[in-house]
Amino acid sequence: MVSIHLLRYALRDLISTLSETRTSCHDTQMYSIARIVWLDAQGEDGWKSLQEVKDGPHLAQIDSVGFVIREDDTSITLALAIDTTNENSGAYMTIPKSCIQLRTKVE
């Protein structure tokens, strides 16, 4: 698993590079970077005994880092990458706020 520190430095380098080579009027620095620790559903397909289901996986703790693209009362959307030239984002996810255990701003 990639450490949060490596992701933090990689995102800082990305922002620095984008700010030096930017050709778009959109600035990645207008988006904050957040680390979100949240609970996600888990499951399996196929037939299992009820005891296997009871003993099986429960909620998974997920650690996500990304640009905060959108936020409202119920959810937050993170993007792993931003293409400022073409004004696109890639590898994004929307996380329900009710699942969030911890949120920190990445400096």
N, C-alpha and C. Protein backbone atom coordinates (compact mmCIF):
# COMPACT_ATOMS: atom_id res chain seq x y z
N MET A 1 0.84 -1.18 0.00
CA MET A 1 0.00 0.00 0.00
C MET A 1 0.89 1.24 0.00
N VAL A 2 0.52 2.21 -0.79
CA VAL A 2 1.27 3.46 -0.90
C VAL A 2 1.00 4.29 0.34
N SER A 3 2.05 4.85 0.92
CA SER A 3 1.86 5.64 2.13
C SER A 3 1.26 7.00 1.79
N ILE A 4 0.57 7.56 2.75
CA ILE A 4 -0.06 8.87 2.57
C ILE A 4 1.01 9.93 2.32
N HIS A 5 2.20 9.76 2.89
CA HIS A 5 3.28 10.73 2.69
C HIS A 5 3.76 10.74 1.25
N LEU A 6 3.88 9.56 0.63
CA LEU A 6 4.28 9.51 -0.77
C LEU A 6 3.23 10.15 -1.67
N LEU A 7 1.96 9.89 -1.38
CA LEU A 7 0.90 10.52 -2.16
C LEU A 7 0.91 12.03 -2.00
N ARG A 8 1.15 12.50 -0.78
CA ARG A 8 1.19 13.93 -0.52
C ARG A 8 2.29 14.59 -1.35
N TYR A 9 3.49 14.00 -1.35
CA TYR A 9 4.61 14.57 -2.11
C TYR A 9 4.36 14.50 -3.62
N ALA A 10 3.76 13.41 -4.07
CA ALA A 10 3.46 13.28 -5.50
C ALA A 10 2.45 14.33 -5.94
N LEU A 11 1.43 14.58 -5.12
CA LEU A 11 0.44 15.60 -5.46
C LEU A 11 1.04 17.00 -5.42
N ARG A 12 1.94 17.25 -4.46
CA ARG A 12 2.63 18.55 -4.41
C ARG A 12 3.46 18.77 -5.66
N ASP A 13 4.19 17.73 -6.08
CA ASP A 13 5.00 17.83 -7.29
C ASP A 13 4.12 18.07 -8.51
N LEU A 14 2.98 17.40 -8.57
CA LEU A 14 2.05 17.58 -9.68
C LEU A 14 1.56 19.02 -9.72
N ILE A 15 1.17 19.56 -8.59
CA ILE A 15 0.69 20.94 -8.54
C ILE A 15 1.79 21.90 -8.95
N SER A 16 2.99 21.66 -8.47
CA SER A 16 4.12 22.53 -8.81
C SER A 16 4.38 22.50 -10.31
N THR A 17 4.38 21.31 -10.90
CA THR A 17 4.61 21.16 -12.33
C THR A 17 3.51 21.83 -13.13
N LEU A 18 2.27 21.62 -12.72
CA LEU A 18 1.15 22.24 -13.43
C LEU A 18 1.20 23.75 -13.35
N SER A 19 1.59 24.29 -12.22
CA SER A 19 1.63 25.75 -12.10
C SER A 19 2.75 26.35 -12.94
N GLU A 20 3.81 25.58 -13.21
CA GLU A 20 4.91 26.06 -14.04
C GLU A 20 4.60 25.95 -15.52
N THR A 21 3.78 24.95 -15.92
CA THR A 21 3.55 24.68 -17.35
C THR A 21 2.11 24.95 -17.77
N ARG A 22 1.33 25.56 -16.93
CA ARG A 22 -0.09 25.75 -17.19
C ARG A 22 -0.33 26.59 -18.45
N THR A 23 -1.23 26.12 -19.31
CA THR A 23 -1.65 26.90 -20.48
C THR A 23 -3.13 27.24 -20.38
N SER A 24 -3.78 26.74 -19.37
CA SER A 24 -5.21 26.99 -19.19
C SER A 24 -5.41 28.08 -18.14
N CYS A 25 -6.57 28.70 -18.20
CA CYS A 25 -6.89 29.71 -17.19
C CYS A 25 -7.32 29.08 -15.88
N HIS A 26 -7.56 27.76 -15.87
CA HIS A 26 -7.96 27.08 -14.64
C HIS A 26 -6.73 26.70 -13.83
N ASP A 27 -6.82 26.91 -12.55
CA ASP A 27 -5.68 26.71 -11.66
C ASP A 27 -5.98 25.55 -10.72
N THR A 28 -5.10 24.54 -10.68
CA THR A 28 -5.33 23.42 -9.78
C THR A 28 -5.27 23.86 -8.34
N GLN A 29 -4.61 24.97 -8.06
CA GLN A 29 -4.52 25.41 -6.67
C GLN A 29 -5.84 25.96 -6.15
N MET A 30 -6.82 26.15 -7.03
CA MET A 30 -8.13 26.56 -6.54
C MET A 30 -8.87 25.38 -5.92
N TYR A 31 -8.34 24.17 -6.11
CA TYR A 31 -8.90 22.97 -5.50
C TYR A 31 -8.02 22.56 -4.33
N SER A 32 -8.63 22.36 -3.17
CA SER A 32 -7.85 21.87 -2.04
C SER A 32 -7.60 20.37 -2.22
N ILE A 33 -6.61 19.87 -1.52
CA ILE A 33 -6.31 18.44 -1.54
C ILE A 33 -6.67 17.89 -0.17
N ALA A 34 -7.43 16.80 -0.17
CA ALA A 34 -7.90 16.24 1.10
C ALA A 34 -7.58 14.75 1.18
N ARG A 35 -7.38 14.31 2.40
CA ARG A 35 -7.29 12.88 2.71
C ARG A 35 -8.58 12.53 3.43
N ILE A 36 -9.28 11.54 2.90
CA ILE A 36 -10.55 11.09 3.47
C ILE A 36 -10.41 9.62 3.88
N VAL A 37 -10.68 9.34 5.14
CA VAL A 37 -10.76 7.96 5.62
C VAL A 37 -12.24 7.68 5.79
N TRP A 38 -12.71 6.63 5.08
CA TRP A 38 -14.14 6.37 5.05
C TRP A 38 -14.43 4.89 5.03
N LEU A 39 -15.68 4.55 5.37
CA LEU A 39 -16.10 3.15 5.40
C LEU A 39 -16.87 2.83 4.13
N ASP A 40 -16.52 1.69 3.53
CA ASP A 40 -17.15 1.26 2.29
C ASP A 40 -17.78 -0.11 2.49
N ALA A 41 -18.80 -0.37 1.71
CA ALA A 41 -19.48 -1.67 1.75
C ALA A 41 -18.58 -2.74 1.16
N GLN A 42 -18.78 -3.97 1.60
CA GLN A 42 -18.08 -5.12 1.05
C GLN A 42 -19.10 -6.23 0.84
N GLY A 43 -18.78 -7.13 -0.02
CA GLY A 43 -19.66 -8.27 -0.24
C GLY A 43 -19.01 -9.28 -1.15
N GLU A 44 -19.68 -10.39 -1.33
CA GLU A 44 -19.22 -11.45 -2.22
C GLU A 44 -20.43 -11.99 -2.96
N ASP A 45 -20.18 -12.56 -4.12
CA ASP A 45 -21.28 -13.20 -4.81
C ASP A 45 -21.18 -14.70 -4.62
N GLY A 46 -22.21 -15.39 -4.94
CA GLY A 46 -22.24 -16.84 -4.78
C GLY A 46 -22.96 -17.23 -3.49
N TRP A 47 -23.28 -18.50 -3.40
CA TRP A 47 -24.00 -19.01 -2.24
C TRP A 47 -23.07 -19.23 -1.06
N LYS A 48 -23.48 -18.78 0.09
CA LYS A 48 -22.75 -18.95 1.36
C LYS A 48 -23.76 -19.32 2.43
N SER A 49 -23.28 -20.04 3.43
CA SER A 49 -24.16 -20.30 4.57
C SER A 49 -24.36 -18.99 5.32
N LEU A 50 -25.44 -18.91 6.07
CA LEU A 50 -25.70 -17.70 6.84
C LEU A 50 -24.57 -17.45 7.85
N GLN A 51 -23.97 -18.51 8.39
CA GLN A 51 -22.87 -18.34 9.33
C GLN A 51 -21.65 -17.74 8.62
N GLU A 52 -21.38 -18.19 7.39
CA GLU A 52 -20.27 -17.62 6.63
C GLU A 52 -20.50 -16.14 6.35
N VAL A 53 -21.76 -15.79 6.09
CA VAL A 53 -22.10 -14.38 5.85
C VAL A 53 -21.88 -13.57 7.13
N LYS A 54 -22.32 -14.12 8.27
CA LYS A 54 -22.13 -13.42 9.55
C LYS A 54 -20.65 -13.25 9.88
N ASP A 55 -19.85 -14.25 9.55
CA ASP A 55 -18.41 -14.21 9.86
C ASP A 55 -17.58 -13.53 8.77
N GLY A 56 -18.20 -13.22 7.66
CA GLY A 56 -17.48 -12.68 6.51
C GLY A 56 -17.08 -11.22 6.68
N PRO A 57 -16.61 -10.63 5.59
CA PRO A 57 -16.14 -9.25 5.66
C PRO A 57 -17.26 -8.28 6.02
N HIS A 58 -16.89 -7.30 6.80
CA HIS A 58 -17.84 -6.25 7.17
C HIS A 58 -17.46 -4.99 6.39
N LEU A 59 -17.54 -3.85 6.96
CA LEU A 59 -17.18 -2.62 6.27
C LEU A 59 -15.67 -2.52 6.10
N ALA A 60 -15.24 -2.01 4.97
CA ALA A 60 -13.81 -1.82 4.71
C ALA A 60 -13.45 -0.37 5.00
N GLN A 61 -12.32 -0.15 5.67
CA GLN A 61 -11.84 1.21 5.88
C GLN A 61 -10.96 1.60 4.69
N ILE A 62 -11.34 2.67 4.00
CA ILE A 62 -10.67 3.12 2.79
C ILE A 62 -9.99 4.46 3.08
N ASP A 63 -8.80 4.63 2.53
CA ASP A 63 -8.03 5.86 2.67
C ASP A 63 -7.86 6.46 1.28
N SER A 64 -8.48 7.61 1.01
CA SER A 64 -8.44 8.23 -0.31
C SER A 64 -7.83 9.62 -0.20
N VAL A 65 -7.06 10.00 -1.23
CA VAL A 65 -6.46 11.33 -1.31
C VAL A 65 -6.74 11.89 -2.70
N GLY A 66 -7.15 13.16 -2.77
CA GLY A 66 -7.40 13.75 -4.08
C GLY A 66 -7.80 15.21 -4.00
N PHE A 67 -7.98 15.80 -5.19
CA PHE A 67 -8.45 17.17 -5.31
C PHE A 67 -9.94 17.21 -4.98
N VAL A 68 -10.36 18.13 -4.13
CA VAL A 68 -11.78 18.28 -3.81
C VAL A 68 -12.42 19.08 -4.95
N ILE A 69 -13.21 18.38 -5.77
CA ILE A 69 -13.83 18.97 -6.95
C ILE A 69 -15.20 19.56 -6.62
N ARG A 70 -15.94 18.86 -5.77
CA ARG A 70 -17.28 19.30 -5.41
C ARG A 70 -17.60 18.80 -4.01
N GLU A 71 -18.38 19.61 -3.29
CA GLU A 71 -18.82 19.20 -1.96
C GLU A 71 -20.17 19.83 -1.68
N ASP A 72 -21.06 19.05 -1.07
CA ASP A 72 -22.34 19.57 -0.63
C ASP A 72 -22.65 18.98 0.74
N ASP A 73 -23.87 19.09 1.19
CA ASP A 73 -24.22 18.62 2.54
C ASP A 73 -24.12 17.11 2.70
N THR A 74 -24.24 16.37 1.59
CA THR A 74 -24.30 14.91 1.71
C THR A 74 -23.09 14.17 1.16
N SER A 75 -22.26 14.84 0.33
CA SER A 75 -21.15 14.11 -0.29
C SER A 75 -19.98 15.03 -0.63
N ILE A 76 -18.85 14.39 -0.92
CA ILE A 76 -17.64 15.08 -1.37
C ILE A 76 -17.08 14.30 -2.56
N THR A 77 -16.66 15.01 -3.60
CA THR A 77 -16.10 14.36 -4.78
C THR A 77 -14.62 14.68 -4.88
N LEU A 78 -13.80 13.62 -4.95
CA LEU A 78 -12.35 13.75 -5.10
C LEU A 78 -11.94 13.30 -6.49
N ALA A 79 -10.98 14.00 -7.08
CA ALA A 79 -10.38 13.59 -8.35
C ALA A 79 -8.91 13.31 -8.11
N LEU A 80 -8.43 12.20 -8.65
CA LEU A 80 -7.03 11.85 -8.52
C LEU A 80 -6.15 12.72 -9.39
N ALA A 81 -6.67 13.12 -10.54
CA ALA A 81 -5.88 13.92 -11.48
C ALA A 81 -6.76 14.98 -12.12
N ILE A 82 -6.13 16.10 -12.49
CA ILE A 82 -6.81 17.17 -13.19
C ILE A 82 -5.99 17.54 -14.42
N ASP A 83 -6.65 17.56 -15.56
CA ASP A 83 -6.03 17.99 -16.82
C ASP A 83 -6.45 19.44 -17.04
N THR A 84 -5.56 20.38 -16.71
CA THR A 84 -5.91 21.80 -16.80
C THR A 84 -5.93 22.30 -18.23
N THR A 85 -5.23 21.62 -19.12
CA THR A 85 -5.21 22.04 -20.52
C THR A 85 -6.58 21.85 -21.16
N ASN A 86 -7.17 20.68 -20.93
CA ASN A 86 -8.46 20.35 -21.54
C ASN A 86 -9.63 20.44 -20.57
N GLU A 87 -9.36 20.88 -19.36
CA GLU A 87 -10.37 21.05 -18.32
C GLU A 87 -11.15 19.76 -18.06
N ASN A 88 -10.40 18.68 -17.78
CA ASN A 88 -10.97 17.37 -17.47
C ASN A 88 -10.44 16.89 -16.13
N SER A 89 -11.13 15.91 -15.58
CA SER A 89 -10.62 15.22 -14.40
C SER A 89 -10.68 13.73 -14.67
N GLY A 90 -9.81 13.01 -14.00
CA GLY A 90 -9.79 11.56 -14.18
C GLY A 90 -9.81 10.86 -12.85
N ALA A 91 -10.30 9.64 -12.86
CA ALA A 91 -10.32 8.79 -11.67
C ALA A 91 -10.93 9.52 -10.48
N TYR A 92 -12.18 9.89 -10.62
CA TYR A 92 -12.85 10.59 -9.52
C TYR A 92 -13.82 9.66 -8.81
N MET A 93 -14.17 10.03 -7.58
CA MET A 93 -15.18 9.29 -6.83
C MET A 93 -15.93 10.24 -5.91
N THR A 94 -17.20 9.93 -5.70
CA THR A 94 -18.03 10.69 -4.78
C THR A 94 -18.27 9.83 -3.54
N ILE A 95 -17.93 10.38 -2.38
CA ILE A 95 -18.02 9.64 -1.12
C ILE A 95 -19.15 10.24 -0.28
N PRO A 96 -20.08 9.42 0.20
CA PRO A 96 -21.13 9.94 1.09
C PRO A 96 -20.51 10.44 2.40
N LYS A 97 -20.92 11.61 2.84
CA LYS A 97 -20.37 12.16 4.08
C LYS A 97 -20.70 11.30 5.29
N SER A 98 -21.81 10.57 5.22
CA SER A 98 -22.18 9.70 6.34
C SER A 98 -21.18 8.56 6.54
N CYS A 99 -20.34 8.29 5.54
CA CYS A 99 -19.34 7.21 5.63
C CYS A 99 -17.97 7.72 6.07
N ILE A 100 -17.79 9.03 6.12
CA ILE A 100 -16.46 9.60 6.43
C ILE A 100 -16.15 9.48 7.91
N GLN A 101 -14.98 8.92 8.20
CA GLN A 101 -14.50 8.77 9.57
C GLN A 101 -13.51 9.88 9.94
N LEU A 102 -12.72 10.33 8.95
CA LEU A 102 -11.68 11.33 9.18
C LEU A 102 -11.45 12.11 7.90
N ARG A 103 -11.28 13.42 8.04
CA ARG A 103 -10.94 14.26 6.89
C ARG A 103 -9.84 15.22 7.31
N THR A 104 -8.76 15.24 6.51
CA THR A 104 -7.67 16.17 6.78
C THR A 104 -7.29 16.86 5.49
N LYS A 105 -6.88 18.12 5.62
CA LYS A 105 -6.40 18.87 4.47
C LYS A 105 -4.93 18.53 4.26
N VAL A 106 -4.55 18.24 3.02
CA VAL A 106 -3.15 17.94 2.71
C VAL A 106 -2.51 19.26 2.32
N GLU A 107 -1.50 19.62 3.04
CA GLU A 107 -0.77 20.88 2.79
C GLU A 107 0.34 20.68 1.80
